């Protein structure tokens, strides 16, 4: 039972990061019907920007508490990611809104490669150590343990998702997003500025990716220019698993994917004597994804509903 609890905790931590990035995928798809494959690299930019800000903070005020430094890193990474994502939307995607779907898809892949190249030129190709800001003393949960960094990640992810739900369901901008997702032309006739809504969608997605990027570095203590590819692919898979275009589906899909990976790597890895251990954890997530999409192509919560964004 202790092992099970530990694997579930690990899965929740991993799934929370997937969910934060998956929300960016699903929101853009819900409004534009566009798969933004560069979104994983926005997470990487957030992690790199957060590390740069941390170095500046350490040089100016090295005695600040770790929580304060981490908060400053996240607060600084968010506007950097927002600027990058807004530029991507304005330069790469806006002119392709009415183009065949293959054109923006290829453009998104090109933007992803471009971001990785720029990051390699600015921060180098070698992995960069991310400083440990919080205490390494583990917190016991039953027979399992969780670090302070992981606990903070879970809290931030929960707060971010809750804030997003409130924004989409209770605010004027959220109603505009839902209206644009439902029918852009009719929304425009009702006075909704589609360009403003689309930019807001990219801004929100960038902010969530920035939080995930900084916390990814804090949790794994290492970042590098190509780090966004795998989390981005997993987050996209989580969005599809939950039902892309549905914000609740992105949350459920991300958490579920993280738990499946963790349990698969832990239990099946032990059962096979390590042959299918953590080095092959991607297998479990994608096998489940294939099964779910074979049985239910729209995903777990993929119905067309008004709550999607």
C-alpha atoms as a PDB file:
ATOM      1  CA  UNK A   1       0.000   0.000   0.000  1.00  0.00           C
ATOM      2  CA  UNK A   2       2.884   2.388   0.780  1.00  0.00           C
ATOM      3  CA  UNK A   3       4.292   1.788  -2.693  1.00  0.00           C
ATOM      4  CA  UNK A   4       0.896   2.448  -4.251  1.00  0.00           C
ATOM      5  CA  UNK A   5       0.488   5.737  -2.367  1.00  0.00           C
ATOM      6  CA  UNK A   6       3.994   6.798  -3.377  1.00  0.00           C
ATOM      7  CA  UNK A   7       3.346   6.037  -7.041  1.00  0.00           C
ATOM      8  CA  UNK A   8       0.036   7.906  -6.947  1.00  0.00           C
ATOM      9  CA  UNK A   9       1.753  10.954  -5.422  1.00  0.00           C
ATOM     10  CA  UNK A  10       4.449  10.811  -8.094  1.00  0.00           C
ATOM     11  CA  UNK A  11       1.743  10.485 -10.732  1.00  0.00           C
ATOM     12  CA  UNK A  12      -0.197  13.469  -9.393  1.00  0.00           C
ATOM     13  CA  UNK A  13       2.940  15.624  -9.477  1.00  0.00           C
ATOM     14  CA  UNK A  14       3.785  14.582 -13.021  1.00  0.00           C
ATOM     15  CA  UNK A  15       0.179  14.781 -14.157  1.00  0.00           C
ATOM     16  CA  UNK A  16      -0.232  18.288 -12.728  1.00  0.00           C
ATOM     17  CA  UNK A  17       2.544  19.558 -14.978  1.00  0.00           C
ATOM     18  CA  UNK A  18       1.048  17.757 -17.974  1.00  0.00           C
ATOM     19  CA  UNK A  19      -2.351  19.255 -17.170  1.00  0.00           C
ATOM     20  CA  UNK A  20      -1.009  22.820 -17.012  1.00  0.00           C
ATOM     21  CA  UNK A  21       0.510  22.478 -20.485  1.00  0.00           C
ATOM     22  CA  UNK A  22      -2.455  20.506 -21.856  1.00  0.00           C
ATOM     23  CA  UNK A  23      -4.765  23.391 -20.944  1.00  0.00           C
ATOM     24  CA  UNK A  24      -2.806  25.605 -23.341  1.00  0.00           C
ATOM     25  CA  UNK A  25      -3.231  23.054 -26.131  1.00  0.00           C
ATOM     26  CA  UNK A  26      -6.933  22.544 -25.531  1.00  0.00           C
ATOM     27  CA  UNK A  27      -7.788  26.245 -25.211  1.00  0.00           C
ATOM     28  CA  UNK A  28      -6.081  27.150 -28.485  1.00  0.00           C
ATOM     29  CA  UNK A  29      -7.687  24.198 -30.219  1.00  0.00           C
ATOM     30  CA  UNK A  30     -11.095  25.056 -28.812  1.00  0.00           C
ATOM     31  CA  UNK A  31     -10.942  28.625 -30.120  1.00  0.00           C
ATOM     32  CA  UNK A  32      -8.919  28.187 -33.331  1.00  0.00           C
ATOM     33  CA  UNK A  33      -9.086  24.457 -34.134  1.00  0.00           C
ATOM     34  CA  UNK A  34      -5.294  24.676 -34.228  1.00  0.00           C
ATOM     35  CA  UNK A  35      -2.765  22.275 -32.712  1.00  0.00           C
ATOM     36  CA  UNK A  36       0.017  24.528 -31.415  1.00  0.00           C
ATOM     37  CA  UNK A  37       2.922  22.080 -31.367  1.00  0.00           C
ATOM     38  CA  UNK A  38       5.247  24.898 -30.286  1.00  0.00           C
ATOM     39  CA  UNK A  39       3.498  25.081 -26.910  1.00  0.00           C
ATOM     40  CA  UNK A  40       5.867  22.609 -25.266  1.00  0.00           C
ATOM     41  CA  UNK A  41       8.762  24.873 -26.159  1.00  0.00           C
ATOM     42  CA  UNK A  42       7.019  27.779 -24.429  1.00  0.00           C
ATOM     43  CA  UNK A  43       7.387  25.662 -21.269  1.00  0.00           C
ATOM     44  CA  UNK A  44      11.116  25.430 -22.041  1.00  0.00           C
ATOM     45  CA  UNK A  45      11.359  29.208 -22.493  1.00  0.00           C
ATOM     46  CA  UNK A  46       9.637  29.634 -19.123  1.00  0.00           C
ATOM     47  CA  UNK A  47      12.144  27.339 -17.426  1.00  0.00           C
ATOM     48  CA  UNK A  48      15.111  29.082 -19.057  1.00  0.00           C
ATOM     49  CA  UNK A  49      13.781  32.549 -18.246  1.00  0.00           C
ATOM     50  CA  UNK A  50      13.086  31.465 -14.661  1.00  0.00           C
ATOM     51  CA  UNK A  51      16.667  30.218 -14.278  1.00  0.00           C
ATOM     52  CA  UNK A  52      18.072  33.476 -15.664  1.00  0.00           C
ATOM     53  CA  UNK A  53      15.941  35.491 -13.252  1.00  0.00           C
ATOM     54  CA  UNK A  54      17.043  33.285 -10.355  1.00  0.00           C
ATOM     55  CA  UNK A  55      20.698  33.941 -11.180  1.00  0.00           C
ATOM     56  CA  UNK A  56      20.016  37.677 -11.184  1.00  0.00           C
ATOM     57  CA  UNK A  57      18.170  37.447  -7.858  1.00  0.00           C
ATOM     58  CA  UNK A  58      20.976  35.392  -6.300  1.00  0.00           C
ATOM     59  CA  UNK A  59      23.534  37.967  -7.377  1.00  0.00           C
ATOM     60  CA  UNK A  60      21.530  40.856  -5.914  1.00  0.00           C
ATOM     61  CA  UNK A  61      19.809  39.315  -2.871  1.00  0.00           C
ATOM     62  CA  UNK A  62      21.239  35.858  -2.136  1.00  0.00           C
ATOM     63  CA  UNK A  63      19.711  35.696   1.360  1.00  0.00           C
ATOM     64  CA  UNK A  64      16.081  35.771   0.237  1.00  0.00           C
ATOM     65  CA  UNK A  65      14.018  32.716   1.265  1.00  0.00           C
ATOM     66  CA  UNK A  66      13.653  29.996  -1.364  1.00  0.00           C
ATOM     67  CA  UNK A  67       9.886  30.477  -1.649  1.00  0.00           C
ATOM     68  CA  UNK A  68      10.380  34.162  -2.438  1.00  0.00           C
ATOM     69  CA  UNK A  69      13.027  33.405  -5.071  1.00  0.00           C
ATOM     70  CA  UNK A  70      10.777  30.828  -6.684  1.00  0.00           C
ATOM     71  CA  UNK A  71       7.850  33.257  -6.699  1.00  0.00           C
ATOM     72  CA  UNK A  72      10.036  35.915  -8.346  1.00  0.00           C
ATOM     73  CA  UNK A  73      11.208  33.391 -10.952  1.00  0.00           C
ATOM     74  CA  UNK A  74       7.629  32.413 -11.813  1.00  0.00           C
ATOM     75  CA  UNK A  75       6.474  36.054 -11.848  1.00  0.00           C
ATOM     76  CA  UNK A  76       9.326  36.939 -14.200  1.00  0.00           C
ATOM     77  CA  UNK A  77       8.930  33.919 -16.478  1.00  0.00           C
ATOM     78  CA  UNK A  78       5.206  34.526 -17.081  1.00  0.00           C
ATOM     79  CA  UNK A  79       5.573  37.829 -19.005  1.00  0.00           C
ATOM     80  CA  UNK A  80       8.481  36.389 -21.025  1.00  0.00           C
ATOM     81  CA  UNK A  81       6.337  33.420 -22.109  1.00  0.00           C
ATOM     82  CA  UNK A  82       3.385  35.714 -22.793  1.00  0.00           C
ATOM     83  CA  UNK A  83       5.477  37.897 -25.108  1.00  0.00           C
ATOM     84  CA  UNK A  84       6.830  34.832 -26.932  1.00  0.00           C
ATOM     85  CA  UNK A  85       3.372  33.282 -27.356  1.00  0.00           C
ATOM     86  CA  UNK A  86       1.773  36.538 -28.524  1.00  0.00           C
ATOM     87  CA  UNK A  87       4.532  36.991 -31.118  1.00  0.00           C
ATOM     88  CA  UNK A  88       3.997  33.404 -32.279  1.00  0.00           C
ATOM     89  CA  UNK A  89       0.275  34.020 -32.700  1.00  0.00           C
ATOM     90  CA  UNK A  90       0.748  37.357 -34.444  1.00  0.00           C
ATOM     91  CA  UNK A  91       3.558  36.339 -36.806  1.00  0.00           C
ATOM     92  CA  UNK A  92       3.051  32.629 -37.444  1.00  0.00           C
ATOM     93  CA  UNK A  93      -0.642  31.803 -36.983  1.00  0.00           C
ATOM     94  CA  UNK A  94      -2.833  34.853 -37.600  1.00  0.00           C
ATOM     95  CA  UNK A  95      -2.365  34.882 -41.371  1.00  0.00           C
ATOM     96  CA  UNK A  96      -3.090  31.152 -41.558  1.00  0.00           C
ATOM     97  CA  UNK A  97      -6.483  31.097 -39.835  1.00  0.00           C
ATOM     98  CA  UNK A  98      -8.348  30.421 -43.065  1.00  0.00           C
ATOM     99  CA  UNK A  99      -5.614  28.304 -44.639  1.00  0.00           C
ATOM    100  CA  UNK A 100      -5.841  24.504 -45.037  1.00  0.00           C
ATOM    101  CA  UNK A 101      -5.190  22.790 -41.704  1.00  0.00           C
ATOM    102  CA  UNK A 102      -1.897  21.316 -42.862  1.00  0.00           C
ATOM    103  CA  UNK A 103      -0.326  24.787 -43.229  1.00  0.00           C
ATOM    104  CA  UNK A 104      -0.615  25.915 -39.566  1.00  0.00           C
ATOM    105  CA  UNK A 105       0.396  22.421 -38.425  1.00  0.00           C
ATOM    106  CA  UNK A 106       3.651  22.573 -40.395  1.00  0.00           C
ATOM    107  CA  UNK A 107       4.155  26.163 -39.238  1.00  0.00           C
ATOM    108  CA  UNK A 108       3.772  25.092 -35.607  1.00  0.00           C
ATOM    109  CA  UNK A 109       6.462  22.438 -36.025  1.00  0.00           C
ATOM    110  CA  UNK A 110       8.717  25.038 -37.644  1.00  0.00           C
ATOM    111  CA  UNK A 111       8.137  27.473 -34.780  1.00  0.00           C
ATOM    112  CA  UNK A 112       9.023  24.711 -32.310  1.00  0.00           C
ATOM    113  CA  UNK A 113      12.345  24.076 -34.033  1.00  0.00           C
ATOM    114  CA  UNK A 114      12.976  27.821 -34.215  1.00  0.00           C
ATOM    115  CA  UNK A 115      12.397  28.279 -30.476  1.00  0.00           C
ATOM    116  CA  UNK A 116      14.721  25.394 -29.658  1.00  0.00           C
ATOM    117  CA  UNK A 117      17.419  26.870 -31.902  1.00  0.00           C
ATOM    118  CA  UNK A 118      17.120  30.323 -30.337  1.00  0.00           C
ATOM    119  CA  UNK A 119      17.253  28.783 -26.849  1.00  0.00           C
ATOM    120  CA  UNK A 120      20.365  26.796 -27.785  1.00  0.00           C
ATOM    121  CA  UNK A 121      22.028  29.986 -29.074  1.00  0.00           C
ATOM    122  CA  UNK A 122      21.149  31.965 -25.916  1.00  0.00           C
ATOM    123  CA  UNK A 123      21.575  29.377 -23.147  1.00  0.00           C
ATOM    124  CA  UNK A 124      23.793  26.756 -24.829  1.00  0.00           C
ATOM    125  CA  UNK A 125      23.232  23.117 -25.675  1.00  0.00           C
ATOM    126  CA  UNK A 126      24.444  21.594 -22.398  1.00  0.00           C
ATOM    127  CA  UNK A 127      21.972  20.824 -19.572  1.00  0.00           C
ATOM    128  CA  UNK A 128      21.829  23.603 -16.976  1.00  0.00           C
ATOM    129  CA  UNK A 129      21.505  22.883 -13.236  1.00  0.00           C
ATOM    130  CA  UNK A 130      18.401  24.412 -11.664  1.00  0.00           C
ATOM    131  CA  UNK A 131      19.078  25.464  -8.053  1.00  0.00           C
ATOM    132  CA  UNK A 132      17.272  23.715  -5.223  1.00  0.00           C
ATOM    133  CA  UNK A 133      15.337  26.511  -3.574  1.00  0.00           C
ATOM    134  CA  UNK A 134      13.208  24.648  -1.047  1.00  0.00           C
ATOM    135  CA  UNK A 135      14.195  22.303   1.738  1.00  0.00           C
ATOM    136  CA  UNK A 136      15.018  18.741   0.705  1.00  0.00           C
ATOM    137  CA  UNK A 137      13.493  17.410   3.926  1.00  0.00           C
ATOM    138  CA  UNK A 138      10.686  15.079   2.777  1.00  0.00           C
ATOM    139  CA  UNK A 139       7.137  15.328   4.083  1.00  0.00           C
ATOM    140  CA  UNK A 140       5.676  11.965   5.110  1.00  0.00           C
ATOM    141  CA  UNK A 141       2.214  11.026   3.811  1.00  0.00           C
ATOM    142  CA  UNK A 142       1.325   7.696   5.352  1.00  0.00           C
ATOM    143  CA  UNK A 143       4.187   5.456   4.314  1.00  0.00           C
ATOM    144  CA  UNK A 144       5.068   7.627   1.310  1.00  0.00           C
ATOM    145  CA  UNK A 145       7.005  10.884   1.030  1.00  0.00           C
ATOM    146  CA  UNK A 146       6.612  14.084  -0.930  1.00  0.00           C
ATOM    147  CA  UNK A 147       9.102  16.918  -1.225  1.00  0.00           C
ATOM    148  CA  UNK A 148       8.254  20.542  -0.517  1.00  0.00           C
ATOM    149  CA  UNK A 149       8.815  21.370  -4.188  1.00  0.00           C
ATOM    150  CA  UNK A 150       6.330  18.686  -5.270  1.00  0.00           C
ATOM    151  CA  UNK A 151       3.781  19.840  -2.717  1.00  0.00           C
ATOM    152  CA  UNK A 152       4.107  23.432  -3.921  1.00  0.00           C
ATOM    153  CA  UNK A 153       3.718  22.241  -7.507  1.00  0.00           C
ATOM    154  CA  UNK A 154       0.459  20.474  -6.653  1.00  0.00           C
ATOM    155  CA  UNK A 155      -0.862  23.580  -4.891  1.00  0.00           C
ATOM    156  CA  UNK A 156       0.100  25.902  -7.755  1.00  0.00           C
ATOM    157  CA  UNK A 157      -1.403  23.558 -10.341  1.00  0.00           C
ATOM    158  CA  UNK A 158      -4.668  23.280  -8.401  1.00  0.00           C
ATOM    159  CA  UNK A 159      -4.895  27.050  -7.926  1.00  0.00           C
ATOM    160  CA  UNK A 160      -4.092  27.694 -11.598  1.00  0.00           C
ATOM    161  CA  UNK A 161      -6.740  25.266 -12.809  1.00  0.00           C
ATOM    162  CA  UNK A 162      -9.332  26.640 -10.384  1.00  0.00           C
ATOM    163  CA  UNK A 163      -8.575  30.207 -11.502  1.00  0.00           C
ATOM    164  CA  UNK A 164      -8.888  29.172 -15.148  1.00  0.00           C
ATOM    165  CA  UNK A 165     -12.278  27.560 -14.552  1.00  0.00           C
ATOM    166  CA  UNK A 166     -13.506  30.719 -12.801  1.00  0.00           C
ATOM    167  CA  UNK A 167     -12.216  32.883 -15.650  1.00  0.00           C
ATOM    168  CA  UNK A 168     -13.859  30.767 -18.355  1.00  0.00           C
ATOM    169  CA  UNK A 169     -17.180  30.340 -16.584  1.00  0.00           C
ATOM    170  CA  UNK A 170     -17.665  33.561 -14.596  1.00  0.00           C
ATOM    171  CA  UNK A 171     -16.051  36.423 -16.544  1.00  0.00           C
ATOM    172  CA  UNK A 172     -16.929  38.395 -19.653  1.00  0.00           C
ATOM    173  CA  UNK A 173     -13.730  37.216 -21.350  1.00  0.00           C
ATOM    174  CA  UNK A 174     -14.617  33.617 -20.538  1.00  0.00           C
ATOM    175  CA  UNK A 175     -18.031  34.017 -22.139  1.00  0.00           C
ATOM    176  CA  UNK A 176     -16.370  35.542 -25.186  1.00  0.00           C
ATOM    177  CA  UNK A 177     -14.012  32.558 -25.371  1.00  0.00           C
ATOM    178  CA  UNK A 178     -16.882  30.092 -25.189  1.00  0.00           C
ATOM    179  CA  UNK A 179     -18.830  32.030 -27.796  1.00  0.00           C
ATOM    180  CA  UNK A 180     -15.854  32.182 -30.162  1.00  0.00           C
ATOM    181  CA  UNK A 181     -15.215  28.470 -29.676  1.00  0.00           C
ATOM    182  CA  UNK A 182     -18.861  27.680 -30.423  1.00  0.00           C
ATOM    183  CA  UNK A 183     -19.215  29.832 -33.563  1.00  0.00           C
ATOM    184  CA  UNK A 184     -16.683  32.587 -34.370  1.00  0.00           C
ATOM    185  CA  UNK A 185     -18.857  34.279 -37.004  1.00  0.00           C
ATOM    186  CA  UNK A 186     -21.931  34.504 -34.819  1.00  0.00           C
ATOM    187  CA  UNK A 187     -19.775  35.675 -31.899  1.00  0.00           C
ATOM    188  CA  UNK A 188     -18.399  38.441 -34.109  1.00  0.00           C
ATOM    189  CA  UNK A 189     -21.937  39.530 -35.034  1.00  0.00           C
ATOM    190  CA  UNK A 190     -22.693  39.775 -31.313  1.00  0.00           C
ATOM    191  CA  UNK A 191     -19.790  42.198 -30.810  1.00  0.00           C
ATOM    192  CA  UNK A 192     -17.070  39.767 -29.714  1.00  0.00           C
ATOM    193  CA  UNK A 193     -13.583  40.805 -30.875  1.00  0.00           C
ATOM    194  CA  UNK A 194     -12.195  37.457 -32.064  1.00  0.00           C
ATOM    195  CA  UNK A 195      -8.609  38.755 -32.322  1.00  0.00           C
ATOM    196  CA  UNK A 196      -8.714  39.914 -28.698  1.00  0.00           C
ATOM    197  CA  UNK A 197     -10.148  36.588 -27.582  1.00  0.00           C
ATOM    198  CA  UNK A 198      -7.522  34.601 -29.455  1.00  0.00           C
ATOM    199  CA  UNK A 199      -4.669  36.705 -28.053  1.00  0.00           C
ATOM    200  CA  UNK A 200      -6.112  36.279 -24.542  1.00  0.00           C
ATOM    201  CA  UNK A 201      -6.186  32.521 -25.102  1.00  0.00           C
ATOM    202  CA  UNK A 202      -2.512  32.488 -26.053  1.00  0.00           C
ATOM    203  CA  UNK A 203      -1.694  34.711 -23.053  1.00  0.00           C
ATOM    204  CA  UNK A 204      -3.417  32.360 -20.596  1.00  0.00           C
ATOM    205  CA  UNK A 205      -1.787  29.304 -22.135  1.00  0.00           C
ATOM    206  CA  UNK A 206       1.641  30.967 -21.932  1.00  0.00           C
ATOM    207  CA  UNK A 207       1.160  31.845 -18.255  1.00  0.00           C
ATOM    208  CA  UNK A 208       0.249  28.252 -17.390  1.00  0.00           C
ATOM    209  CA  UNK A 209       3.224  26.941 -19.387  1.00  0.00           C
ATOM    210  CA  UNK A 210       5.549  29.349 -17.552  1.00  0.00           C
ATOM    211  CA  UNK A 211       4.397  28.037 -14.167  1.00  0.00           C
ATOM    212  CA  UNK A 212       4.862  24.457 -15.381  1.00  0.00           C
ATOM    213  CA  UNK A 213       8.307  25.228 -16.824  1.00  0.00           C
ATOM    214  CA  UNK A 214       9.751  26.806 -13.676  1.00  0.00           C
ATOM    215  CA  UNK A 215       8.307  24.077 -11.470  1.00  0.00           C
ATOM    216  CA  UNK A 216       9.588  21.405 -13.869  1.00  0.00           C
ATOM    217  CA  UNK A 217      13.107  22.781 -13.419  1.00  0.00           C
ATOM    218  CA  UNK A 218      12.663  23.055  -9.646  1.00  0.00           C
ATOM    219  CA  UNK A 219      11.416  19.463  -9.441  1.00  0.00           C
ATOM    220  CA  UNK A 220      13.992  17.813 -11.712  1.00  0.00           C
ATOM    221  CA  UNK A 221      16.925  20.212 -10.990  1.00  0.00           C
ATOM    222  CA  UNK A 222      18.023  20.307 -14.630  1.00  0.00           C
ATOM    223  CA  UNK A 223      16.839  22.025 -17.820  1.00  0.00           C
ATOM    224  CA  UNK A 224      18.039  22.236 -21.410  1.00  0.00           C
ATOM    225  CA  UNK A 225      17.011  23.709 -24.753  1.00  0.00           C
ATOM    226  CA  UNK A 226      15.170  20.589 -26.013  1.00  0.00           C
ATOM    227  CA  UNK A 227      13.384  19.827 -22.745  1.00  0.00           C
ATOM    228  CA  UNK A 228       9.985  21.014 -24.020  1.00  0.00           C
ATOM    229  CA  UNK A 229       9.531  18.339 -26.678  1.00  0.00           C
ATOM    230  CA  UNK A 230       8.627  15.363 -24.486  1.00  0.00           C
ATOM    231  CA  UNK A 231       6.431  17.253 -21.972  1.00  0.00           C
ATOM    232  CA  UNK A 232       4.741  18.990 -24.902  1.00  0.00           C
ATOM    233  CA  UNK A 233       4.017  15.711 -26.626  1.00  0.00           C
ATOM    234  CA  UNK A 234       2.753  14.166 -23.398  1.00  0.00           C
ATOM    235  CA  UNK A 235       0.582  17.205 -22.667  1.00  0.00           C
ATOM    236  CA  UNK A 236      -0.892  17.044 -26.167  1.00  0.00           C
ATOM    237  CA  UNK A 237      -1.603  13.361 -25.602  1.00  0.00           C
ATOM    238  CA  UNK A 238      -3.245  14.252 -22.279  1.00  0.00           C
ATOM    239  CA  UNK A 239      -5.442  16.830 -24.016  1.00  0.00           C
ATOM    240  CA  UNK A 240      -6.482  14.260 -26.633  1.00  0.00           C
ATOM    241  CA  UNK A 241      -7.026  11.620 -23.956  1.00  0.00           C
ATOM    242  CA  UNK A 242      -9.316  13.893 -21.964  1.00  0.00           C
ATOM    243  CA  UNK A 243     -11.047  15.304 -25.036  1.00  0.00           C
ATOM    244  CA  UNK A 244      -9.218  18.123 -26.772  1.00  0.00           C
ATOM    245  CA  UNK A 245     -11.180  21.351 -26.679  1.00  0.00           C
ATOM    246  CA  UNK A 246     -12.575  20.619 -23.219  1.00  0.00           C
ATOM    247  CA  UNK A 247     -10.776  22.281 -20.288  1.00  0.00           C
ATOM    248  CA  UNK A 248     -11.989  19.693 -17.800  1.00  0.00           C
ATOM    249  CA  UNK A 249     -10.838  16.981 -20.180  1.00  0.00           C
ATOM    250  CA  UNK A 250      -7.339  18.499 -20.271  1.00  0.00           C
ATOM    251  CA  UNK A 251      -7.158  18.455 -16.467  1.00  0.00           C
ATOM    252  CA  UNK A 252      -8.457  14.899 -16.194  1.00  0.00           C
ATOM    253  CA  UNK A 253      -6.284  13.700 -19.074  1.00  0.00           C
ATOM    254  CA  UNK A 254      -3.125  15.234 -17.602  1.00  0.00           C
ATOM    255  CA  UNK A 255      -3.640  13.795 -14.129  1.00  0.00           C
ATOM    256  CA  UNK A 256      -4.655  10.408 -15.531  1.00  0.00           C
ATOM    257  CA  UNK A 257      -1.648  10.255 -17.848  1.00  0.00           C
ATOM    258  CA  UNK A 258       0.743  11.081 -15.007  1.00  0.00           C
ATOM    259  CA  UNK A 259      -0.746   8.405 -12.734  1.00  0.00           C
ATOM    260  CA  UNK A 260      -0.694   5.800 -15.521  1.00  0.00           C
ATOM    261  CA  UNK A 261       2.978   6.526 -16.201  1.00  0.00           C
ATOM    262  CA  UNK A 262       3.910   6.380 -12.542  1.00  0.00           C
ATOM    263  CA  UNK A 263       1.994   3.189 -11.760  1.00  0.00           C
ATOM    264  CA  UNK A 264       3.163   1.537 -14.960  1.00  0.00           C
ATOM    265  CA  UNK A 265       6.815   2.336 -14.351  1.00  0.00           C
ATOM    266  CA  UNK A 266       6.538   1.248 -10.704  1.00  0.00           C
ATOM    267  CA  UNK A 267       4.485  -1.940 -10.794  1.00  0.00           C
ATOM    268  CA  UNK A 268       4.994  -3.327 -14.295  1.00  0.00           C
ATOM    269  CA  UNK A 269       8.657  -2.395 -14.068  1.00  0.00           C
ATOM    270  CA  UNK A 270       9.018  -4.463 -10.909  1.00  0.00           C
ATOM    271  CA  UNK A 271       6.985  -7.309 -12.412  1.00  0.00           C
ATOM    272  CA  UNK A 272       9.279  -7.521 -15.450  1.00  0.00           C
ATOM    273  CA  UNK A 273      12.431  -7.274 -13.375  1.00  0.00           C
ATOM    274  CA  UNK A 274      13.134  -3.725 -14.525  1.00  0.00           C
ATOM    275  CA  UNK A 275      12.860  -4.554 -18.237  1.00  0.00           C
ATOM    276  CA  UNK A 276       9.883  -2.194 -18.549  1.00  0.00           C
ATOM    277  CA  UNK A 277      10.850   0.203 -15.808  1.00  0.00           C
ATOM    278  CA  UNK A 278      11.109   3.984 -15.707  1.00  0.00           C
ATOM    279  CA  UNK A 279      13.158   4.074 -18.921  1.00  0.00           C
ATOM    280  CA  UNK A 280      10.100   2.788 -20.771  1.00  0.00           C
ATOM    281  CA  UNK A 281       7.382   4.664 -18.923  1.00  0.00           C
ATOM    282  CA  UNK A 282       6.253   6.373 -22.137  1.00  0.00           C
ATOM    283  CA  UNK A 283       4.996   3.008 -23.366  1.00  0.00           C
ATOM    284  CA  UNK A 284       2.279   2.751 -20.733  1.00  0.00           C
ATOM    285  CA  UNK A 285       0.837   6.199 -21.335  1.00  0.00           C
ATOM    286  CA  UNK A 286       0.669   5.855 -25.093  1.00  0.00           C
ATOM    287  CA  UNK A 287      -0.721   2.324 -25.002  1.00  0.00           C
ATOM    288  CA  UNK A 288      -3.593   3.566 -22.839  1.00  0.00           C
ATOM    289  CA  UNK A 289      -4.022   6.555 -25.151  1.00  0.00           C
ATOM    290  CA  UNK A 290      -4.317   4.283 -28.173  1.00  0.00           C
ATOM    291  CA  UNK A 291      -6.846   2.067 -26.405  1.00  0.00           C
ATOM    292  CA  UNK A 292      -8.981   5.016 -25.286  1.00  0.00           C
ATOM    293  CA  UNK A 293      -8.986   6.618 -28.727  1.00  0.00           C
ATOM    294  CA  UNK A 294      -9.816   3.291 -30.350  1.00  0.00           C
ATOM    295  CA  UNK A 295     -12.834   2.852 -28.098  1.00  0.00           C
ATOM    296  CA  UNK A 296     -13.756   6.550 -27.840  1.00  0.00           C
ATOM    297  CA  UNK A 297     -12.093   8.731 -30.513  1.00  0.00           C
ATOM    298  CA  UNK A 298     -13.401  11.966 -28.985  1.00  0.00           C
ATOM    299  CA  UNK A 299     -11.586  11.274 -25.701  1.00  0.00           C
ATOM    300  CA  UNK A 300     -12.949  10.804 -22.205  1.00  0.00           C
ATOM    301  CA  UNK A 301     -14.800  14.131 -22.043  1.00  0.00           C
ATOM    302  CA  UNK A 302     -14.755  15.022 -25.708  1.00  0.00           C
ATOM    303  CA  UNK A 303     -18.389  15.912 -26.263  1.00  0.00           C
ATOM    304  CA  UNK A 304     -19.016  19.283 -27.841  1.00  0.00           C
ATOM    305  CA  UNK A 305     -20.164  21.309 -24.879  1.00  0.00           C
ATOM    306  CA  UNK A 306     -20.462  24.994 -24.094  1.00  0.00           C
ATOM    307  CA  UNK A 307     -17.838  24.776 -21.328  1.00  0.00           C
ATOM    308  CA  UNK A 308     -14.993  24.103 -23.659  1.00  0.00           C
ATOM    309  CA  UNK A 309     -12.527  26.925 -24.277  1.00  0.00           C
END
